[in-house]
């Protein structure tokens, strides 16, 4: 459990990293306070949604993709902050798509895609 908390703390710190270094350039303190008070989207939820969609698309053929997507969505769901972030649904949809892809893999079903 202690390791799990360390992983979640690490992921929460990674959400606030400014990669390019110019995020706050040219912004006044009042504008910065207003930006900080606005609700945002959790980046791990969006990644989980994309992984879940790929698990749904490719999961019936490759069974490891839904497992990885499901684990990612469940672990990163604990990084969701109800006060700062406004939408947990990408996590839920990622989990559902992963479960559908995993169940299709286990039952041997396949869906026909347009490609």
C-alpha atoms as a PDB file:
ATOM      1  CA  UNK A   1       0.000   0.000   0.000  1.00  0.00           C
ATOM      2  CA  UNK A   2       2.899   2.341   0.738  1.00  0.00           C
ATOM      3  CA  UNK A   3       4.327   1.736  -2.743  1.00  0.00           C
ATOM      4  CA  UNK A   4       0.913   2.422  -4.292  1.00  0.00           C
ATOM      5  CA  UNK A   5       0.723   5.784  -2.492  1.00  0.00           C
ATOM      6  CA  UNK A   6       4.209   6.670  -3.714  1.00  0.00           C
ATOM      7  CA  UNK A   7       3.198   5.866  -7.302  1.00  0.00           C
ATOM      8  CA  UNK A   8       0.055   8.018  -7.006  1.00  0.00           C
ATOM      9  CA  UNK A   9       2.069  10.904  -5.503  1.00  0.00           C
ATOM     10  CA  UNK A  10       4.572  10.618  -8.345  1.00  0.00           C
ATOM     11  CA  UNK A  11       1.801  10.663 -10.964  1.00  0.00           C
ATOM     12  CA  UNK A  12       0.201  13.702  -9.304  1.00  0.00           C
ATOM     13  CA  UNK A  13       3.513  15.572  -9.431  1.00  0.00           C
ATOM     14  CA  UNK A  14       3.924  14.663 -13.098  1.00  0.00           C
ATOM     15  CA  UNK A  15       0.584  16.349 -13.938  1.00  0.00           C
ATOM     16  CA  UNK A  16       1.990  19.775 -13.006  1.00  0.00           C
ATOM     17  CA  UNK A  17       5.263  19.653 -14.947  1.00  0.00           C
ATOM     18  CA  UNK A  18       5.798  22.495 -17.428  1.00  0.00           C
ATOM     19  CA  UNK A  19       7.615  20.752 -20.279  1.00  0.00           C
ATOM     20  CA  UNK A  20       8.367  23.810 -22.432  1.00  0.00           C
ATOM     21  CA  UNK A  21       9.043  26.159 -19.509  1.00  0.00           C
ATOM     22  CA  UNK A  22       6.893  29.014 -20.822  1.00  0.00           C
ATOM     23  CA  UNK A  23       3.530  28.176 -19.294  1.00  0.00           C
ATOM     24  CA  UNK A  24       3.438  31.223 -17.006  1.00  0.00           C
ATOM     25  CA  UNK A  25       5.388  33.618 -19.218  1.00  0.00           C
ATOM     26  CA  UNK A  26       3.663  36.988 -19.659  1.00  0.00           C
ATOM     27  CA  UNK A  27       0.820  36.222 -17.243  1.00  0.00           C
ATOM     28  CA  UNK A  28       0.016  38.484 -14.310  1.00  0.00           C
ATOM     29  CA  UNK A  29      -0.599  37.198 -10.792  1.00  0.00           C
ATOM     30  CA  UNK A  30      -4.336  37.859 -11.066  1.00  0.00           C
ATOM     31  CA  UNK A  31      -4.566  35.879 -14.312  1.00  0.00           C
ATOM     32  CA  UNK A  32      -2.509  33.067 -12.808  1.00  0.00           C
ATOM     33  CA  UNK A  33      -4.852  32.893  -9.800  1.00  0.00           C
ATOM     34  CA  UNK A  34      -7.859  32.781 -12.119  1.00  0.00           C
ATOM     35  CA  UNK A  35      -6.310  29.984 -14.197  1.00  0.00           C
ATOM     36  CA  UNK A  36      -5.495  27.983 -11.061  1.00  0.00           C
ATOM     37  CA  UNK A  37      -9.070  28.312  -9.789  1.00  0.00           C
ATOM     38  CA  UNK A  38     -10.619  26.939 -13.003  1.00  0.00           C
ATOM     39  CA  UNK A  39     -11.354  23.217 -13.187  1.00  0.00           C
ATOM     40  CA  UNK A  40      -9.207  21.206 -15.567  1.00  0.00           C
ATOM     41  CA  UNK A  41      -9.156  17.800 -17.199  1.00  0.00           C
ATOM     42  CA  UNK A  42      -6.995  15.008 -15.827  1.00  0.00           C
ATOM     43  CA  UNK A  43      -4.426  14.090 -18.504  1.00  0.00           C
ATOM     44  CA  UNK A  44      -4.334  10.475 -17.351  1.00  0.00           C
ATOM     45  CA  UNK A  45      -8.060  10.180 -18.000  1.00  0.00           C
ATOM     46  CA  UNK A  46      -7.578  11.175 -21.617  1.00  0.00           C
ATOM     47  CA  UNK A  47      -4.682   8.747 -22.009  1.00  0.00           C
ATOM     48  CA  UNK A  48      -6.794   6.021 -20.388  1.00  0.00           C
ATOM     49  CA  UNK A  49      -9.657   6.769 -22.756  1.00  0.00           C
ATOM     50  CA  UNK A  50      -7.354   6.430 -25.767  1.00  0.00           C
ATOM     51  CA  UNK A  51      -5.876   3.202 -24.391  1.00  0.00           C
ATOM     52  CA  UNK A  52      -9.387   1.891 -23.733  1.00  0.00           C
ATOM     53  CA  UNK A  53     -10.419   2.703 -27.296  1.00  0.00           C
ATOM     54  CA  UNK A  54      -7.372   0.875 -28.647  1.00  0.00           C
ATOM     55  CA  UNK A  55      -8.198  -2.038 -26.329  1.00  0.00           C
ATOM     56  CA  UNK A  56     -11.693  -2.130 -27.794  1.00  0.00           C
ATOM     57  CA  UNK A  57     -10.400  -1.983 -31.371  1.00  0.00           C
ATOM     58  CA  UNK A  58      -7.407  -4.322 -31.124  1.00  0.00           C
ATOM     59  CA  UNK A  59      -8.287  -6.252 -27.950  1.00  0.00           C
ATOM     60  CA  UNK A  60     -10.155  -9.116 -29.586  1.00  0.00           C
ATOM     61  CA  UNK A  61      -6.972  -9.948 -31.512  1.00  0.00           C
ATOM     62  CA  UNK A  62      -4.264  -8.990 -29.002  1.00  0.00           C
ATOM     63  CA  UNK A  63      -5.343  -9.818 -25.457  1.00  0.00           C
ATOM     64  CA  UNK A  64      -2.551  -7.983 -23.658  1.00  0.00           C
ATOM     65  CA  UNK A  65      -3.767  -4.540 -24.791  1.00  0.00           C
ATOM     66  CA  UNK A  66      -7.029  -4.591 -22.775  1.00  0.00           C
ATOM     67  CA  UNK A  67      -5.163  -5.814 -19.691  1.00  0.00           C
ATOM     68  CA  UNK A  68      -2.630  -2.988 -19.910  1.00  0.00           C
ATOM     69  CA  UNK A  69      -5.344  -0.407 -20.569  1.00  0.00           C
ATOM     70  CA  UNK A  70      -7.473  -1.693 -17.693  1.00  0.00           C
ATOM     71  CA  UNK A  71      -4.584  -1.595 -15.239  1.00  0.00           C
ATOM     72  CA  UNK A  72      -3.584   1.893 -16.383  1.00  0.00           C
ATOM     73  CA  UNK A  73      -7.129   3.237 -16.019  1.00  0.00           C
ATOM     74  CA  UNK A  74      -7.631   1.738 -12.567  1.00  0.00           C
ATOM     75  CA  UNK A  75      -4.273   2.893 -11.180  1.00  0.00           C
ATOM     76  CA  UNK A  76      -4.492   6.409 -12.583  1.00  0.00           C
ATOM     77  CA  UNK A  77      -8.108   6.825 -11.459  1.00  0.00           C
ATOM     78  CA  UNK A  78      -6.731   7.471  -7.975  1.00  0.00           C
ATOM     79  CA  UNK A  79      -4.999  10.617  -9.299  1.00  0.00           C
ATOM     80  CA  UNK A  80      -8.407  12.222  -9.916  1.00  0.00           C
ATOM     81  CA  UNK A  81      -8.978  15.269  -7.682  1.00  0.00           C
ATOM     82  CA  UNK A  82     -12.668  16.179  -7.344  1.00  0.00           C
ATOM     83  CA  UNK A  83     -11.941  19.782  -6.403  1.00  0.00           C
ATOM     84  CA  UNK A  84      -9.482  20.644  -9.195  1.00  0.00           C
ATOM     85  CA  UNK A  85     -10.729  18.396 -12.005  1.00  0.00           C
ATOM     86  CA  UNK A  86     -14.224  18.187 -13.371  1.00  0.00           C
ATOM     87  CA  UNK A  87     -14.706  15.003 -15.344  1.00  0.00           C
ATOM     88  CA  UNK A  88     -14.045  11.403 -14.231  1.00  0.00           C
ATOM     89  CA  UNK A  89     -15.842   9.936 -17.256  1.00  0.00           C
ATOM     90  CA  UNK A  90     -12.749   9.333 -19.413  1.00  0.00           C
ATOM     91  CA  UNK A  91     -11.570   6.910 -16.718  1.00  0.00           C
ATOM     92  CA  UNK A  92     -14.942   5.161 -16.646  1.00  0.00           C
ATOM     93  CA  UNK A  93     -15.124   4.877 -20.438  1.00  0.00           C
ATOM     94  CA  UNK A  94     -11.533   3.624 -20.634  1.00  0.00           C
ATOM     95  CA  UNK A  95     -12.346   0.909 -18.087  1.00  0.00           C
ATOM     96  CA  UNK A  96     -15.536  -0.086 -19.923  1.00  0.00           C
ATOM     97  CA  UNK A  97     -13.820  -0.229 -23.330  1.00  0.00           C
ATOM     98  CA  UNK A  98     -11.011  -2.301 -21.827  1.00  0.00           C
ATOM     99  CA  UNK A  99     -13.461  -4.726 -20.245  1.00  0.00           C
ATOM    100  CA  UNK A 100     -15.361  -5.090 -23.524  1.00  0.00           C
ATOM    101  CA  UNK A 101     -12.125  -5.769 -25.422  1.00  0.00           C
ATOM    102  CA  UNK A 102     -10.984  -8.254 -22.775  1.00  0.00           C
ATOM    103  CA  UNK A 103     -14.309 -10.092 -22.748  1.00  0.00           C
ATOM    104  CA  UNK A 104     -14.303 -10.271 -26.538  1.00  0.00           C
ATOM    105  CA  UNK A 105     -10.783 -11.728 -26.439  1.00  0.00           C
ATOM    106  CA  UNK A 106     -11.742 -14.331 -23.828  1.00  0.00           C
ATOM    107  CA  UNK A 107     -14.878 -15.429 -25.669  1.00  0.00           C
ATOM    108  CA  UNK A 108     -13.144 -15.447 -29.064  1.00  0.00           C
ATOM    109  CA  UNK A 109     -15.436 -12.886 -30.648  1.00  0.00           C
ATOM    110  CA  UNK A 110     -14.306 -10.362 -33.219  1.00  0.00           C
ATOM    111  CA  UNK A 111     -15.896  -7.276 -34.612  1.00  0.00           C
ATOM    112  CA  UNK A 112     -15.650  -6.089 -38.202  1.00  0.00           C
ATOM    113  CA  UNK A 113     -13.963  -2.719 -38.562  1.00  0.00           C
ATOM    114  CA  UNK A 114     -13.980  -0.469 -41.578  1.00  0.00           C
ATOM    115  CA  UNK A 115     -10.232  -0.687 -42.277  1.00  0.00           C
END
